Amino acid sequence: MTVGIAADHAGFEQKEQLMAKLAEAGYDVRDYGAKTYDPADDYPDIIVPLAQAVARREVARGIAVCGSGVGVSVAANKILGVRAALITETYSARQGVEHDDMNLLCLGGRVIGPMLIWELATAFLQAEYDGGERFERRLQKVIALEKQLTKPHTSQTDN
């Protein structure tokens, strides 16, 4: 499986450790940045290339790390086709894929440690989308909503 990974300065060390463990476990890992530690970098600049790669299916799944995980989650979900979530426990890491077809895992490098990061990444990457009728019905509603909200809006005064 090809996995994309990205982190800003607050998650840089955790990203580097996670990349090594993923490669050791046999994953094809692609680094979308940051390539060096820069305390002045901004998470939106780091997450967008990874989120776009996930949306284009250049990678099967993505993992993003910032200080809390909130920033990368918010920014990643602005990219059409990305279903990202901030995860802090293994049930949701697995269930997010199985039920919701989550394709980008967001982690807080300053709030969880390397052992839990590894457990979450493993649960996320080993999970498979269930595809059952109720899950697919819900996913299609989310996709339709996403497409509807990305169309230009016109107001009553535009007519």
Protein backbone atom coordinates (compact mmCIF):
# COMPACT_ATOMS: atom_id res chain seq x y z
CA MET A 1 0.00 0.00 0.00
CA THR A 2 1.24 3.47 -0.85
CA VAL A 3 0.92 5.89 2.07
CA GLY A 4 1.44 9.63 1.92
CA ILE A 5 2.62 11.46 5.01
CA ALA A 6 3.03 15.12 5.95
CA ALA A 7 3.72 17.20 9.04
CA ASP A 8 4.45 20.75 10.03
CA HIS A 9 7.14 21.66 12.56
CA ALA A 10 4.99 20.52 15.50
CA GLY A 11 4.72 17.00 14.08
CA PHE A 12 8.00 16.80 12.18
CA GLU A 13 9.84 14.48 14.59
CA GLN A 14 6.85 12.15 14.87
CA LYS A 15 6.50 12.08 11.06
CA GLU A 16 10.13 11.09 10.63
CA GLN A 17 9.79 8.27 13.17
CA LEU A 18 6.51 7.07 11.68
CA MET A 19 7.91 7.07 8.13
CA ALA A 20 10.75 4.80 9.22
CA LYS A 21 8.39 2.37 10.97
CA LEU A 22 5.99 2.31 8.03
CA ALA A 23 8.79 1.59 5.57
CA GLU A 24 10.11 -1.13 7.88
CA ALA A 25 6.61 -2.65 7.94
CA GLY A 26 6.60 -2.83 4.13
CA TYR A 27 4.57 0.24 3.19
CA ASP A 28 5.57 2.39 0.22
CA VAL A 29 5.84 5.77 1.96
CA ARG A 30 5.81 9.13 0.17
CA ASP A 31 6.88 12.21 2.10
CA TYR A 32 4.86 15.33 1.23
CA GLY A 33 6.73 17.56 3.66
CA ALA A 34 7.98 19.22 5.58
CA LYS A 35 11.32 17.93 4.41
CA THR A 36 13.23 19.84 7.09
CA TYR A 37 12.30 21.21 10.48
CA ASP A 38 11.17 24.85 10.17
CA PRO A 39 9.51 26.40 13.23
CA ALA A 40 7.96 29.08 11.01
CA ASP A 41 6.11 26.74 8.62
CA ASP A 42 2.31 26.72 8.45
CA TYR A 43 0.18 23.56 8.49
CA PRO A 44 -2.05 24.54 5.52
CA ASP A 45 1.02 24.75 3.28
CA ILE A 46 2.12 21.30 4.42
CA ILE A 47 -1.20 19.46 4.28
CA VAL A 48 -2.48 20.63 0.89
CA PRO A 49 -0.01 18.62 -1.25
CA LEU A 50 -0.79 15.46 0.73
CA ALA A 51 -4.55 16.04 0.64
CA GLN A 52 -4.43 16.63 -3.11
CA ALA A 53 -2.45 13.40 -3.58
CA VAL A 54 -5.08 11.51 -1.56
CA ALA A 55 -7.91 13.08 -3.59
CA ARG A 56 -6.16 12.20 -6.88
CA ARG A 57 -5.53 8.67 -5.52
CA GLU A 58 -1.78 9.00 -6.02
CA VAL A 59 -1.58 7.40 -2.58
CA ALA A 60 -4.02 4.91 -1.07
CA ARG A 61 -4.19 6.75 2.25
CA GLY A 62 -2.64 9.74 3.97
CA ILE A 63 -1.40 10.53 7.45
CA ALA A 64 -0.88 14.11 8.64
CA VAL A 65 0.62 15.36 11.89
CA CYS A 66 0.57 18.83 13.44
CA GLY A 67 0.66 19.90 17.08
CA SER A 68 -2.92 19.02 17.99
CA GLY A 69 -4.07 17.41 14.74
CA VAL A 70 -6.91 19.92 14.51
CA GLY A 71 -5.30 22.26 11.99
CA VAL A 72 -4.37 19.57 9.48
CA SER A 73 -7.84 18.04 9.85
CA VAL A 74 -9.60 21.33 9.14
CA ALA A 75 -7.37 22.18 6.18
CA ALA A 76 -7.41 18.68 4.65
CA ASN A 77 -11.20 18.57 4.63
CA LYS A 78 -11.26 21.64 2.36
CA ILE A 79 -9.92 19.47 -0.47
CA LEU A 80 -12.67 17.82 -2.54
CA GLY A 81 -12.52 14.04 -2.14
CA VAL A 82 -10.71 14.01 1.19
CA ARG A 83 -12.33 12.51 4.26
CA ALA A 84 -9.97 13.39 7.08
CA ALA A 85 -10.46 13.03 10.82
CA LEU A 86 -8.50 13.78 13.95
CA ILE A 87 -8.17 10.44 15.73
CA THR A 88 -6.93 9.73 19.26
CA GLU A 89 -7.96 6.09 19.80
CA THR A 90 -7.83 2.88 17.79
CA TYR A 91 -11.57 2.18 17.51
CA SER A 92 -12.17 5.33 15.45
CA ALA A 93 -8.99 4.81 13.42
CA ARG A 94 -10.41 1.50 12.23
CA GLN A 95 -14.12 2.36 12.21
CA GLY A 96 -13.52 5.62 10.31
CA VAL A 97 -12.27 3.58 7.37
CA GLU A 98 -14.74 0.69 7.70
CA HIS A 99 -17.89 2.82 7.95
CA ASP A 100 -16.96 6.24 6.52
CA ASP A 101 -14.20 5.48 4.00
CA MET A 102 -11.87 7.88 5.82
CA ASN A 103 -8.79 8.34 3.66
CA LEU A 104 -6.63 10.72 5.69
CA LEU A 105 -5.68 10.21 9.34
CA CYS A 106 -4.86 13.34 11.34
CA LEU A 107 -2.75 13.12 14.48
CA GLY A 108 -1.61 15.49 17.21
CA GLY A 109 2.14 15.16 17.63
CA ARG A 110 2.16 17.26 20.79
CA VAL A 111 -0.70 15.42 22.49
CA ILE A 112 -0.05 11.73 21.80
CA GLY A 113 3.16 9.75 21.92
CA PRO A 114 4.96 7.63 19.34
CA MET A 115 3.54 4.31 20.56
CA LEU A 116 -0.05 5.48 20.23
CA ILE A 117 0.72 7.14 16.89
CA TRP A 118 1.98 3.77 15.63
CA GLU A 119 -1.11 1.95 16.95
CA LEU A 120 -3.43 4.49 15.30
CA ALA A 121 -1.56 4.38 12.00
CA THR A 122 -1.60 0.59 11.99
CA ALA A 123 -5.34 0.39 12.77
CA PHE A 124 -6.07 2.98 10.04
CA LEU A 125 -3.93 1.32 7.38
CA GLN A 126 -5.11 -2.23 8.07
CA ALA A 127 -8.80 -1.32 7.99
CA GLU A 128 -10.89 -1.74 4.84
CA TYR A 129 -14.06 0.05 3.83
CA ASP A 130 -17.07 -2.20 4.50
CA GLY A 131 -19.04 -1.01 1.47
CA GLY A 132 -22.30 -2.35 2.89
CA GLU A 133 -25.55 -0.76 1.75
CA ARG A 134 -25.99 1.57 4.71
CA PHE A 135 -22.36 2.70 4.67
CA GLU A 136 -22.37 3.28 0.93
CA ARG A 137 -25.70 5.15 1.13
CA ARG A 138 -24.24 7.46 3.78
CA LEU A 139 -20.98 7.93 1.91
CA GLN A 140 -22.84 8.88 -1.28
CA LYS A 141 -24.80 11.48 0.70
CA VAL A 142 -21.54 12.95 1.98
CA ILE A 143 -20.07 13.01 -1.53
CA ALA A 144 -23.22 14.67 -2.91
CA LEU A 145 -23.13 17.26 -0.14
CA GLU A 146 -19.47 17.95 -0.84
CA LYS A 147 -20.16 18.48 -4.55
CA GLN A 148 -23.18 20.67 -3.83
CA LEU A 149 -21.21 22.87 -1.47
CA THR A 150 -18.33 23.33 -3.92
CA LYS A 151 -20.56 24.72 -6.68
CA PRO A 152 -20.73 28.52 -6.97
CA HIS A 153 -23.65 29.91 -5.02
CA THR A 154 -26.05 32.48 -6.43
CA SER A 155 -28.24 34.66 -4.30
CA GLN A 156 -31.69 36.02 -4.98
CA THR A 157 -30.17 39.36 -5.99
CA ASP A 158 -27.97 37.73 -8.66
CA ASN A 159 -30.97 36.98 -10.91
